[in-house]
Amino acid sequence: MKLKVRPEDFIVKELADIKFSPDGPYRIYLLEKRHWNTMDALKFISRENRVPLSSIGSGGRKDRHALTWQYISVPKKYELKFEKPNVKLTFLGFADDFVSPAVLEGNYFEITLRKLHREEEERIKERLPEVERYGYPNFFDDQRFGSVENPQEFLAERIIKKHYSGALKLYFSTVHPEDSKKEKERKREIERLWGDWDAILPLCRTSVEREIIKILAEGSGKKALVAALNAIPKEELSMFFSAYQSFLWNLTLKKILPRYADELLEVRGKIMDYFFYRALSDESLKFLKKLEIPTVSSRIPPCLPEVQKALEEVLAERGVKPSDFNLKKIRKSFFKSFLRPALVFPEGLYAGPFEEDDLYPGYKKITLKFTLPPGSFATMLVKALGV
């Protein structure tokens, strides 16, 4: 099976409740993009229009390897103009509120699965009604974890454990899949030179990197390390924190599922494996359909005893506790807990006919159309269809 062969094979349209008003204090734009992730697009839009990145509101991050539409906002005093290859902004009007996750209602997807063998075609035919009836585990998928390749290398976990130098080293040296050969070499050289700030400074590419290294050059104590971490932009820190929260949430769900599913099938992921089921008993379905699991912060909302127990086990295995998430010295961003459903059910699931694949002769393709709640991953539905 092939997914995301072309951006048009993975279409995402954001659904949001935006109250438009001629006198609203915010400008609303529709951001259309392909080959760009949301954060990179927002950074370029911010720079080109001389608008603080923190003033640009958005509801969610959309995949680089897709054709996506999403809403963004800025205060009325700013006006955005930006059109580059594969990125387009369209002004829609004024609104009473800015765009944030709070206004999101979900995402509409059109996904084309390609290079399907006969066995895969038959499996998908069997699994579609099962997924409609039983849903699938609402795991955060690999793309949520960014470029983390090793579960021991979460930048946020290093901050929580007060391994500040190690966190900063990850910030500078983590290699992203889309990095050029030259950029990978630059990061490896910084990693090799770590601690020699005078040698690293000429290798810095951005003003943020230069600021951090200058802070470290002036003092190597804990105070300097904390100041350097606080120089990381809020938006980036928030991404690191949410990635780690998502990982811990996944581990918690993975501990709970075996108690309710008789037969679990494992699917390999980038930094962890995922559990899927084919069916559930009526009792298990009724329970899991209502089950919500909190993300970790210093203040975790009340939850069922077995969820609390699973969460405590996960934190103990990682060597952290809820109080560690109260980062008094890191002021730009923080951990906030929210409840997330254990299962997700696609709405309006439509499967087109299996057709000859125009890109892979001799194979079939199929297009799926459906809507998911905010924050749920369509790629997890694809994984569920394959078990």
Foldseek 3Di string as FASTA:
>chain_A
DDWLPAQAQKEKEFDFDFAFDQPAFKWKKKKWFEQDKPVVVLVVQCVVQVHPSVQKEFADIDDNSHTYIGMIMGTPVGDTDDDDVGIHIDTDHHTNDGHYVVGTFFMKIKHKDDQADPVLVVLLVLQPVLCQVQFKFQAQAPVLLFQDQEPLQQLVLCVLVVVLLSSVLCVQQRDGPPDDPVSNVLSVVCNVCPPVLVVNLVSDDDPLVNVLSVLCVVDVDSVSSLVNLLSPALVVVVSSQSSNLSVLQQQLLVVVVVVWAVDWDWDDHSHGIHTIHRHTDPVSSVVLQPAWAKGAALDEDDHDPSSVVSSVVSQVVSVGDRNSQPNPSRDSYGDDMDIDRRGWRWAPWDKDDWDQDPVDGPGTMIMIITITGPPGDPVVVVVNSRD
